[in-house]
Amino acid sequence: MIKINVLCFYVNVVFIIGFLNAADVGDSCRAARSGAPGTCKIIEECTAVIDEIVKQRLFPSVCGFLGRKQVVCCPNPATTTTTPRSTGPKRISQLKCIEYQRAVYENVSVTIGFGQPPTIRQVPKCAFSNVPLVVGGEAANPKEFPHMVVVGYQEELKDEPTWGCGGTLISENFVLTAAHCINLNKILGQPKYALLGDYILDRTDDDAQTLQVNIVNIYIHPQFRASSKYYDIALLRLDRNIRFNQYMRPACLPDTFNTNTRKVIVSGWGKTGYRDGASNVLMKVVLELFTQEECTVAYSRESRGTQLQQGIVETQQFCAGSHTEKKDACQGDSGGPAQIFHPTLQCIYVVSGVTSFGKACGEAHSPGVYTRVYNFLDWIEGYVWPNQ
């Protein structure tokens, strides 16, 4: 009863103050907490106030009432005489990221009260909230990485594809992978297929949410050379647009050079050990980001060879592994993502890197090397979203 009385008292006080300080819609006002200038508006017309109430539990400054509708002090849009800072995404990849995140939600019919008509609400269908702390890793959960793609090749005299690399779905019809996956060897040739939507390869049960599509175009970065380890990035165009659902939807591309985290998540169907076979189940592992200095030292010997003459180039590569444990990506994980949770959007990943190369799998202090996606955004966007 005490809580109810306090709440009623608060409502009555606000109601009385509203009439004592009544102001017409459109009058100038100032927010009580910040003193910022505002304009009196009906509360339904002020999204900023509604957001404060819903997200921060902050009550607005009240101008008065118009009939039974509350009139609140709605903050004016910020103005400045200096060059404004960017507050929203400008790149097409960031706008698409927001668009693709809508596929996380599903419309659900909800009945609020007895005798009331049901309302439709968007409910997030998220298969992950975090990844527990592929070598030294563990099996992924269904729908945990809906952007994961397996890249397939067609060998002569074989009916079924050979799955040899990983990839990341980044739009309705484009997959991001490594350039060296385009010609793995003379036997496999170029990739022909992409498999989406499932985390267990060669599954035959009727419930498997898989989709195998043809690859119709391949775009290798123009500066990639098979004789070196640089510019190891490529795009695969699919023969159709993918219909997004809980099992298959894109990851976002990065909007910053650094991930602002100390770890990345690597996933793939590669070997689970240097002498082991490929995994039939999608694996995941959390890896530590190595500093540029650590990465340079780790590959100092390789830098004397022809494939890595410039050493590890920070603008296009980064290293990840473990300082203490046997955790790493491995053969077969090539082309797959090194990813982080999106910092602001729910239930979606950002693909920060493409698995490129490494040393012996799973050795401590022996990080793998990943192509840094951020520095290739112009090239990616030019193919995936041309003229947008």
Protein backbone atom coordinates (compact mmCIF):
# COMPACT_ATOMS: atom_id res chain seq x y z
CA MET A 1 0.00 0.00 0.00
CA ILE A 2 2.85 2.39 0.72
CA LYS A 3 4.19 2.11 -2.83
CA ILE A 4 0.73 2.65 -4.30
CA ASN A 5 0.15 5.75 -2.16
CA VAL A 6 3.54 7.19 -3.07
CA LEU A 7 2.86 6.63 -6.76
CA CYS A 8 -0.57 8.24 -6.53
CA PHE A 9 0.95 11.18 -4.65
CA TYR A 10 3.58 11.60 -7.38
CA VAL A 11 0.99 11.53 -10.15
CA ASN A 12 -1.20 14.06 -8.31
CA VAL A 13 1.75 16.38 -7.72
CA VAL A 14 2.73 16.25 -11.38
CA PHE A 15 -0.88 16.89 -12.35
CA ILE A 16 -1.13 19.93 -10.04
CA ILE A 17 2.26 21.33 -11.04
CA GLY A 18 1.23 20.90 -14.65
CA PHE A 19 -1.70 23.25 -14.11
CA LEU A 20 0.20 25.66 -11.91
CA ASN A 21 2.92 26.03 -14.57
CA ALA A 22 0.63 25.47 -17.53
CA ALA A 23 2.14 26.36 -20.88
CA ASP A 24 0.70 26.08 -24.33
CA VAL A 25 1.93 23.66 -26.92
CA GLY A 26 4.74 25.37 -28.79
CA ASP A 27 5.89 27.55 -25.90
CA SER A 28 9.56 27.64 -24.96
CA CYS A 29 10.68 25.72 -21.88
CA ARG A 30 13.77 24.32 -20.18
CA ALA A 31 14.44 20.79 -19.03
CA ALA A 32 14.53 20.58 -15.23
CA ARG A 33 17.63 18.39 -14.96
CA SER A 34 19.89 19.80 -17.65
CA GLY A 35 18.46 23.26 -18.15
CA ALA A 36 18.61 22.68 -21.89
CA PRO A 37 16.17 24.67 -24.03
CA GLY A 38 13.10 22.88 -25.31
CA THR A 39 9.62 23.28 -26.71
CA CYS A 40 6.36 22.21 -25.09
CA LYS A 41 4.89 19.28 -27.00
CA ILE A 42 2.32 16.56 -26.45
CA ILE A 43 4.29 13.62 -25.09
CA GLU A 44 3.34 11.34 -27.98
CA GLU A 45 5.10 13.72 -30.35
CA CYS A 46 8.43 13.73 -28.49
CA THR A 47 10.44 10.58 -29.09
CA ALA A 48 13.36 11.87 -26.99
CA VAL A 49 11.19 12.00 -23.85
CA ILE A 50 9.61 8.64 -24.59
CA ASP A 51 13.08 7.10 -24.93
CA GLU A 52 14.12 8.60 -21.58
CA ILE A 53 11.07 7.13 -19.87
CA VAL A 54 11.40 3.67 -21.41
CA LYS A 55 15.18 3.23 -21.42
CA GLN A 56 16.37 5.34 -18.47
CA ARG A 57 13.25 5.57 -16.25
CA LEU A 58 13.58 9.37 -16.25
CA PHE A 59 10.46 11.47 -15.82
CA PRO A 60 10.12 14.51 -18.09
CA SER A 61 9.65 18.18 -17.27
CA VAL A 62 5.93 18.86 -17.54
CA CYS A 63 4.51 21.95 -19.24
CA GLY A 64 0.88 21.11 -18.51
CA PHE A 65 -1.98 19.20 -20.03
CA LEU A 66 -4.02 19.49 -23.19
CA GLY A 67 -7.24 17.76 -22.25
CA ARG A 68 -6.06 14.42 -20.90
CA LYS A 69 -2.78 14.49 -22.83
CA GLN A 70 0.36 15.44 -21.00
CA VAL A 71 2.44 18.26 -22.49
CA VAL A 72 6.15 17.89 -21.79
CA CYS A 73 9.30 19.91 -22.36
CA CYS A 74 10.79 18.30 -25.47
CA PRO A 75 14.50 19.13 -25.96
CA ASN A 76 15.31 21.14 -29.05
CA PRO A 77 17.65 19.62 -31.65
CA ALA A 78 21.24 20.53 -30.87
CA THR A 79 22.70 23.38 -32.92
CA THR A 80 26.27 24.54 -33.24
CA THR A 81 28.26 27.13 -35.15
CA THR A 82 31.21 24.78 -35.59
CA THR A 83 31.50 21.84 -37.92
CA PRO A 84 29.06 19.22 -36.61
CA ARG A 85 30.36 15.84 -35.58
CA SER A 86 28.99 12.82 -37.35
CA THR A 87 26.35 11.15 -35.17
CA GLY A 88 25.13 8.49 -37.56
CA PRO A 89 26.42 5.99 -40.07
CA LYS A 90 27.41 7.36 -43.45
CA ARG A 91 28.80 4.29 -45.17
CA ILE A 92 26.36 2.10 -47.03
CA SER A 93 27.70 -0.93 -45.15
CA GLN A 94 26.67 0.63 -41.82
CA LEU A 95 23.21 1.52 -43.08
CA LYS A 96 22.83 -2.05 -44.34
CA CYS A 97 24.00 -3.35 -40.97
CA ILE A 98 21.07 -1.61 -39.28
CA GLU A 99 18.73 -2.93 -41.96
CA TYR A 100 19.93 -6.53 -41.59
CA GLN A 101 19.58 -6.39 -37.83
CA ARG A 102 15.81 -6.26 -38.30
CA ALA A 103 15.95 -9.91 -39.32
CA VAL A 104 16.76 -10.66 -35.67
CA TYR A 105 13.18 -9.82 -34.70
CA GLU A 106 10.04 -11.83 -35.22
CA ASN A 107 6.47 -10.54 -35.05
CA VAL A 108 4.59 -12.16 -32.17
CA SER A 109 0.91 -11.75 -31.28
CA VAL A 110 0.55 -10.73 -27.63
CA THR A 111 -2.69 -10.40 -25.64
CA ILE A 112 -2.32 -7.65 -23.03
CA GLY A 113 -5.56 -8.06 -21.08
CA PHE A 114 -8.78 -10.04 -20.96
CA GLY A 115 -11.14 -9.01 -23.71
CA GLN A 116 -8.49 -6.86 -25.39
CA PRO A 117 -7.53 -7.47 -29.02
CA PRO A 118 -4.03 -8.94 -29.44
CA THR A 119 -1.20 -6.64 -30.43
CA ILE A 120 1.76 -7.45 -32.64
CA ARG A 121 5.15 -6.98 -31.02
CA GLN A 122 8.63 -7.55 -32.38
CA VAL A 123 10.50 -10.05 -30.22
CA PRO A 124 14.24 -10.65 -30.66
CA LYS A 125 15.06 -14.23 -31.62
CA CYS A 126 18.65 -14.41 -30.49
CA ALA A 127 20.55 -17.69 -30.29
CA PHE A 128 23.45 -16.26 -28.32
CA SER A 129 24.20 -13.86 -25.51
CA ASN A 130 27.88 -14.58 -25.07
CA VAL A 131 30.52 -17.10 -26.08
CA PRO A 132 32.20 -19.09 -23.29
CA LEU A 133 35.82 -18.77 -22.61
CA VAL A 134 38.95 -24.81 -34.40
CA VAL A 135 41.71 -25.88 -31.64
CA GLY A 136 41.00 -25.61 -27.95
CA GLY A 137 37.48 -24.49 -28.78
CA GLU A 138 34.07 -26.06 -28.56
CA ALA A 139 31.08 -26.83 -30.75
CA ALA A 140 28.89 -23.89 -31.69
CA ASN A 141 25.19 -23.86 -30.90
CA PRO A 142 22.50 -23.95 -33.59
CA LYS A 143 21.80 -20.46 -35.01
CA GLU A 144 24.70 -19.00 -33.05
CA PHE A 145 26.57 -17.91 -36.20
CA PRO A 146 23.85 -17.47 -38.86
CA HIS A 147 26.30 -15.64 -41.13
CA MET A 148 28.64 -18.65 -41.41
CA VAL A 149 29.13 -20.06 -44.89
CA VAL A 150 30.97 -23.15 -46.11
CA VAL A 151 32.65 -22.78 -49.51
CA GLY A 152 32.44 -25.87 -51.71
CA TYR A 153 34.42 -27.20 -54.67
CA GLN A 154 33.49 -29.80 -57.28
CA GLU A 155 36.08 -32.47 -57.89
CA GLU A 156 35.97 -34.58 -61.02
CA LEU A 157 34.36 -38.01 -60.63
CA LYS A 158 32.71 -36.92 -57.37
CA ASP A 159 28.99 -36.30 -56.98
CA GLU A 160 29.13 -34.38 -53.70
CA PRO A 161 30.98 -31.07 -53.19
CA THR A 162 34.23 -30.91 -51.26
CA TRP A 163 33.98 -28.30 -48.53
CA GLY A 164 37.33 -26.55 -48.21
CA CYS A 165 37.00 -23.00 -46.83
CA GLY A 166 34.82 -20.81 -44.70
CA GLY A 167 33.12 -17.53 -45.48
CA THR A 168 30.82 -14.86 -44.09
CA LEU A 169 27.46 -13.79 -45.48
CA ILE A 170 27.59 -9.96 -45.59
CA SER A 171 24.54 -9.15 -47.75
CA GLU A 172 21.61 -10.78 -49.51
CA ASN A 173 23.89 -12.34 -52.12
CA PHE A 174 27.57 -11.81 -51.24
CA VAL A 175 30.00 -13.89 -49.20
CA LEU A 176 33.29 -12.57 -47.85
CA THR A 177 36.21 -15.02 -47.86
CA ALA A 178 39.97 -15.26 -48.33
CA ALA A 179 41.58 -14.78 -51.75
CA HIS A 180 43.73 -17.88 -51.32
CA CYS A 181 40.51 -19.93 -51.09
CA ILE A 182 39.76 -19.20 -54.76
CA ASN A 183 42.47 -21.59 -55.93
CA LEU A 184 43.25 -23.92 -53.04
CA ASN A 185 44.91 -26.45 -55.33
CA LYS A 186 44.83 -27.74 -58.89
CA ILE A 187 42.50 -30.61 -58.04
CA LEU A 188 39.71 -28.55 -56.49
CA GLY A 189 39.82 -25.59 -58.85
CA GLN A 190 37.64 -22.58 -58.10
CA PRO A 191 34.73 -22.68 -55.63
CA LYS A 192 31.34 -23.58 -57.05
CA TYR A 193 28.97 -23.68 -54.09
CA ALA A 194 28.11 -21.98 -50.83
CA LEU A 195 26.32 -23.77 -48.00
CA LEU A 196 24.36 -21.67 -45.54
CA GLY A 197 22.09 -22.16 -42.59
CA ASP A 198 23.42 -25.17 -40.71
CA TYR A 199 26.26 -25.92 -38.35
CA ILE A 200 26.61 -29.66 -38.98
CA LEU A 201 28.02 -30.69 -42.36
CA ASP A 202 26.65 -33.71 -44.22
CA ARG A 203 23.52 -33.74 -42.07
CA THR A 204 20.67 -35.64 -43.68
CA ASP A 205 17.74 -35.22 -41.27
CA ASP A 206 14.68 -33.34 -42.46
CA ASP A 207 15.02 -30.59 -39.86
CA ALA A 208 18.35 -29.33 -41.17
CA GLN A 209 18.03 -25.66 -42.09
CA THR A 210 20.51 -25.72 -44.96
CA LEU A 211 20.62 -23.99 -48.30
CA GLN A 212 23.16 -24.81 -50.97
CA VAL A 213 23.50 -22.15 -53.66
CA ASN A 214 25.72 -21.69 -56.68
CA ILE A 215 28.53 -19.15 -56.86
CA VAL A 216 28.20 -17.14 -60.07
CA ASN A 217 30.93 -14.50 -59.74
CA ILE A 218 34.26 -14.34 -57.95
CA TYR A 219 36.06 -11.10 -57.14
CA ILE A 220 39.63 -11.36 -55.89
CA HIS A 221 41.34 -8.25 -54.61
CA PRO A 222 43.36 -6.93 -57.60
CA GLN A 223 46.58 -6.70 -55.58
CA PHE A 224 46.46 -10.26 -54.28
CA ARG A 225 49.23 -12.55 -55.48
CA ALA A 226 49.34 -16.27 -54.74
CA SER A 227 53.08 -15.90 -54.10
CA SER A 228 52.51 -13.60 -51.09
CA LYS A 229 50.34 -13.27 -47.99
CA TYR A 230 48.98 -9.79 -48.60
CA TYR A 231 45.55 -8.59 -49.80
CA ASP A 232 44.11 -11.99 -48.90
CA ILE A 233 40.46 -11.12 -49.37
CA ALA A 234 37.80 -12.05 -51.93
CA LEU A 235 34.07 -11.83 -52.59
CA LEU A 236 31.71 -14.53 -53.87
CA ARG A 237 28.46 -13.55 -55.53
CA LEU A 238 25.61 -16.02 -55.10
CA ASP A 239 23.06 -16.90 -57.77
CA ARG A 240 20.14 -15.66 -55.69
CA ASN A 241 19.18 -13.38 -52.82
CA ILE A 242 19.06 -15.16 -49.47
CA ARG A 243 15.83 -14.94 -47.51
CA PHE A 244 16.93 -14.10 -43.99
CA ASN A 245 15.79 -16.06 -40.96
CA GLN A 246 17.17 -17.31 -37.66
CA TYR A 247 19.51 -19.71 -39.46
CA MET A 248 20.93 -17.41 -42.11
CA ARG A 249 21.43 -13.67 -42.01
CA PRO A 250 24.44 -11.38 -42.59
CA ALA A 251 27.11 -10.16 -40.24
CA CYS A 252 27.99 -6.47 -40.19
CA LEU A 253 31.16 -4.91 -41.56
CA PRO A 254 33.31 -2.87 -39.13
CA ASP A 255 33.09 0.90 -38.82
CA THR A 256 36.36 1.35 -36.91
CA PHE A 257 39.97 0.33 -37.51
CA ASN A 258 40.30 -1.37 -34.12
CA THR A 259 37.73 -3.67 -32.55
CA ASN A 260 37.92 -1.83 -29.19
CA THR A 261 38.09 -5.26 -27.58
CA ARG A 262 40.94 -7.50 -26.49
CA LYS A 263 39.44 -10.66 -27.96
CA VAL A 264 37.78 -11.98 -31.10
CA ILE A 265 35.70 -15.08 -31.78
CA VAL A 266 36.81 -17.36 -34.60
CA SER A 267 34.49 -20.01 -36.03
CA GLY A 268 34.89 -22.66 -38.69
CA TRP A 269 34.84 -26.31 -39.74
CA GLY A 270 38.62 -26.70 -39.97
CA LYS A 271 40.89 -29.21 -38.31
CA THR A 272 40.63 -29.44 -34.53
CA GLY A 273 44.33 -30.17 -34.28
CA TYR A 274 47.41 -30.05 -36.48
CA ARG A 275 47.27 -33.80 -37.17
CA ASP A 276 43.49 -34.17 -36.87
CA GLY A 277 40.85 -34.26 -39.58
CA ALA A 278 38.34 -31.54 -40.38
CA SER A 279 35.41 -31.06 -38.02
CA ASN A 280 31.91 -32.00 -39.13
CA VAL A 281 30.49 -29.58 -36.56
CA LEU A 282 30.97 -25.82 -36.57
CA MET A 283 33.54 -24.94 -33.91
CA LYS A 284 34.18 -21.67 -32.08
CA VAL A 285 37.05 -20.34 -30.06
CA VAL A 286 37.78 -17.05 -28.28
CA LEU A 287 41.22 -15.69 -29.14
CA GLU A 288 43.29 -12.87 -27.72
CA LEU A 289 44.40 -10.03 -29.96
CA PHE A 290 48.19 -9.74 -30.14
CA THR A 291 49.88 -6.36 -30.36
CA GLN A 292 51.60 -5.33 -33.57
CA GLU A 293 54.97 -5.77 -31.87
CA GLU A 294 54.09 -9.31 -30.70
CA CYS A 295 52.83 -10.17 -34.16
CA THR A 296 56.00 -8.88 -35.82
CA VAL A 297 58.20 -10.91 -33.47
CA ALA A 298 56.10 -14.07 -34.00
CA TYR A 299 56.58 -13.85 -37.77
CA SER A 300 60.10 -12.46 -37.87
CA ARG A 301 61.51 -15.62 -39.48
CA GLU A 302 58.72 -15.75 -42.12
CA SER A 303 59.38 -12.09 -42.94
CA ARG A 304 62.74 -13.10 -44.39
CA GLY A 305 60.99 -15.19 -47.05
CA THR A 306 59.32 -14.16 -50.29
CA GLN A 307 55.71 -14.56 -49.10
CA LEU A 308 55.96 -12.06 -46.25
CA GLN A 309 58.67 -9.66 -47.35
CA GLN A 310 57.04 -6.62 -45.71
CA GLY A 311 56.41 -8.43 -42.45
CA ILE A 312 52.96 -8.13 -40.86
CA VAL A 313 51.39 -4.99 -42.34
CA GLU A 314 49.18 -3.43 -39.68
CA THR A 315 46.92 -1.63 -42.16
CA GLN A 316 45.78 -4.93 -43.66
CA GLN A 317 46.54 -7.63 -41.10
CA PHE A 318 46.24 -8.41 -37.40
CA CYS A 319 47.17 -11.38 -35.21
CA ALA A 320 45.08 -13.37 -32.76
CA GLY A 321 45.79 -16.48 -30.71
CA SER A 322 46.60 -17.33 -27.12
CA HIS A 323 49.50 -16.38 -24.89
CA THR A 324 49.02 -19.36 -22.59
CA GLU A 325 46.74 -22.02 -24.13
CA LYS A 326 46.58 -24.15 -27.26
CA LYS A 327 43.84 -22.26 -29.06
CA ASP A 328 43.84 -21.27 -32.70
CA ALA A 329 42.18 -21.47 -36.08
CA CYS A 330 43.43 -24.28 -38.32
CA GLN A 331 43.42 -25.64 -41.86
CA GLY A 332 39.90 -25.45 -43.27
CA ASP A 333 39.02 -22.38 -41.22
CA SER A 334 40.55 -20.20 -43.97
CA GLY A 335 38.23 -17.53 -45.25
CA GLY A 336 36.02 -17.68 -42.18
CA PRO A 337 35.40 -14.75 -39.83
CA ALA A 338 37.18 -13.36 -36.82
CA GLN A 339 34.25 -11.57 -35.24
CA ILE A 340 33.06 -9.57 -32.26
CA PHE A 341 29.63 -8.81 -30.84
CA HIS A 342 28.21 -5.63 -32.32
CA PRO A 343 28.76 -2.89 -29.70
CA THR A 344 25.26 -1.39 -30.02
CA LEU A 345 22.99 -3.65 -32.09
CA GLN A 346 21.47 -6.74 -30.56
CA CYS A 347 22.10 -10.32 -31.71
CA ILE A 348 24.46 -9.53 -34.57
CA TYR A 349 28.20 -9.86 -35.11
CA VAL A 350 30.80 -7.65 -36.76
CA VAL A 351 33.31 -9.47 -38.97
CA SER A 352 36.60 -7.77 -38.12
CA GLY A 353 38.93 -10.18 -39.88
CA VAL A 354 39.15 -12.94 -42.47
CA THR A 355 41.16 -16.01 -41.48
CA SER A 356 44.28 -15.90 -43.64
CA PHE A 357 47.25 -18.01 -42.51
CA GLY A 358 49.24 -19.22 -39.54
CA LYS A 359 51.88 -21.64 -38.31
CA ALA A 360 51.36 -24.96 -36.56
CA CYS A 361 47.81 -25.01 -35.22
CA GLY A 362 47.17 -24.41 -31.56
CA GLU A 363 50.60 -23.48 -30.27
CA ALA A 364 50.75 -20.89 -27.51
CA HIS A 365 52.46 -17.64 -28.51
CA SER A 366 51.96 -18.61 -32.17
CA PRO A 367 49.09 -16.43 -33.35
CA GLY A 368 47.24 -16.73 -36.62
CA VAL A 369 47.06 -13.85 -39.10
CA TYR A 370 43.78 -12.30 -40.23
CA THR A 371 43.03 -9.87 -43.04
CA ARG A 372 41.79 -6.62 -41.49
CA VAL A 373 38.38 -6.03 -43.11
CA TYR A 374 38.10 -2.35 -42.20
CA ASN A 375 40.78 -1.22 -44.64
CA PHE A 376 39.01 -2.93 -47.54
CA LEU A 377 35.57 -1.38 -47.05
CA ASP A 378 35.73 0.78 -50.19
CA TRP A 379 36.60 -2.23 -52.32
CA ILE A 380 33.90 -4.40 -50.71
CA GLU A 381 31.14 -1.80 -50.95
CA GLY A 382 31.96 -1.12 -54.58
CA TYR A 383 30.93 -4.69 -55.50
CA VAL A 384 28.29 -5.50 -52.90
CA TRP A 385 26.32 -2.25 -52.97
CA PRO A 386 27.36 -0.45 -56.18
CA ASN A 387 26.04 3.08 -56.72
CA GLN A 388 24.50 3.21 -53.25
